[in-house]
Amino acid sequence: DSDAVVVTAVKLADDGSGDVVVRFHEAHGARARATLETGFAFTALTVTDLLERPLADAPRPDREGERITVRLRPFELMTLRLHRRGGV
């Protein structure tokens, strides 16, 4: 919901689990806040690196149901893995 945040990928996870990976970045060189809303239920979300490996020390986005609120630094790239109920 923010024109400063650009979604660059929405895809299934590479491991075949049926999880959905969403990759996006801040494009205007300023701090940004954006809300992502999915059209499907998911049980959990994980912040990952570009190879879809969990980042334990990464700040966790706020979640309310199917709405995820993220805060990005200037030009920050973020990848989220959404764990779907029941997989594929």
Protein backbone atom coordinates (compact mmCIF):
# COMPACT_ATOMS: atom_id res chain seq x y z
CA ASP A 1 0.00 0.00 0.00
CA SER A 2 3.04 2.33 -0.31
CA ASP A 3 4.39 3.58 -3.63
CA ALA A 4 7.89 3.64 -2.08
CA VAL A 5 7.81 -0.15 -1.63
CA VAL A 6 8.17 -2.27 -4.76
CA VAL A 7 7.28 -5.97 -4.80
CA THR A 8 9.83 -7.77 -6.99
CA ALA A 9 8.77 -11.41 -6.51
CA VAL A 10 5.84 -13.49 -5.34
CA LYS A 11 6.58 -17.18 -5.79
CA LEU A 12 6.44 -20.59 -4.22
CA ALA A 13 9.40 -21.50 -2.00
CA ASP A 14 12.21 -23.34 -3.75
CA ASP A 15 11.99 -26.35 -1.41
CA GLY A 16 8.55 -27.44 -2.73
CA SER A 17 6.84 -26.94 0.64
CA GLY A 18 4.02 -24.83 -0.78
CA ASP A 19 5.10 -21.80 1.26
CA VAL A 20 4.91 -18.43 -0.51
CA VAL A 21 7.93 -16.14 -0.76
CA VAL A 22 7.43 -12.38 -1.17
CA ARG A 23 10.42 -10.15 -1.95
CA PHE A 24 10.25 -6.35 -1.96
CA HIS A 25 12.38 -3.25 -1.41
CA GLU A 26 12.20 0.43 -0.55
CA ALA A 27 12.83 2.36 -3.79
CA HIS A 28 12.80 6.08 -2.91
CA GLY A 29 15.78 6.30 -0.57
CA ALA A 30 13.78 7.01 2.57
CA ARG A 31 12.27 5.08 5.44
CA ALA A 32 8.97 3.48 4.50
CA ARG A 33 6.13 1.59 6.08
CA ALA A 34 3.89 -0.67 4.02
CA THR A 35 1.11 -3.15 4.62
CA LEU A 36 0.89 -6.39 2.66
CA GLU A 37 -2.38 -8.27 2.60
CA THR A 38 -2.54 -11.86 1.41
CA GLY A 39 -5.49 -13.55 -0.22
CA PHE A 40 -4.78 -16.81 1.57
CA ALA A 41 -4.36 -18.08 5.11
CA PHE A 42 -0.89 -18.68 6.48
CA THR A 43 0.22 -20.01 9.84
CA ALA A 44 3.50 -18.13 10.33
CA LEU A 45 5.98 -15.88 8.58
CA THR A 46 9.75 -15.87 8.53
CA VAL A 47 12.16 -13.17 7.39
CA THR A 48 14.73 -14.84 5.13
CA ASP A 49 17.80 -14.04 3.08
CA LEU A 50 17.79 -14.18 -0.73
CA LEU A 51 18.34 -17.95 -0.62
CA GLU A 52 15.23 -18.35 1.57
CA ARG A 53 17.22 -19.21 4.70
CA PRO A 54 15.75 -17.85 7.97
CA LEU A 55 17.36 -14.74 9.45
CA ALA A 56 17.12 -15.24 13.22
CA ASP A 57 18.20 -11.69 14.14
CA ALA A 58 16.00 -9.85 11.64
CA PRO A 59 13.26 -7.55 12.99
CA ARG A 60 9.86 -9.25 12.82
CA PRO A 61 7.12 -7.54 10.84
CA ASP A 62 3.85 -6.85 12.64
CA ARG A 63 1.07 -9.25 11.77
CA GLU A 64 -2.67 -9.02 12.23
CA GLY A 65 -4.46 -11.92 10.56
CA GLU A 66 -3.58 -11.85 6.86
CA ARG A 67 -2.14 -8.30 7.08
CA ILE A 68 1.60 -7.78 7.48
CA THR A 69 3.11 -4.39 8.27
CA VAL A 70 6.78 -3.86 7.46
CA ARG A 71 9.14 -0.97 8.13
CA LEU A 72 12.04 -0.55 5.73
CA ARG A 73 15.19 1.55 5.79
CA PRO A 74 16.24 3.42 2.63
CA PHE A 75 16.80 0.92 -0.22
CA GLU A 76 16.35 -2.05 2.12
CA LEU A 77 15.49 -5.38 0.51
CA MET A 78 13.29 -7.81 2.49
CA THR A 79 12.18 -11.37 1.79
CA LEU A 80 9.31 -12.95 3.70
CA ARG A 81 8.36 -16.61 3.70
CA LEU A 82 4.68 -17.22 4.44
CA HIS A 83 4.04 -20.70 5.79
CA ARG A 84 0.74 -21.89 4.33
CA ARG A 85 -1.70 -24.22 6.02
CA GLY A 86 -1.56 -27.64 4.43
CA GLY A 87 1.16 -26.76 1.90
CA VAL A 88 0.40 -26.92 -1.82
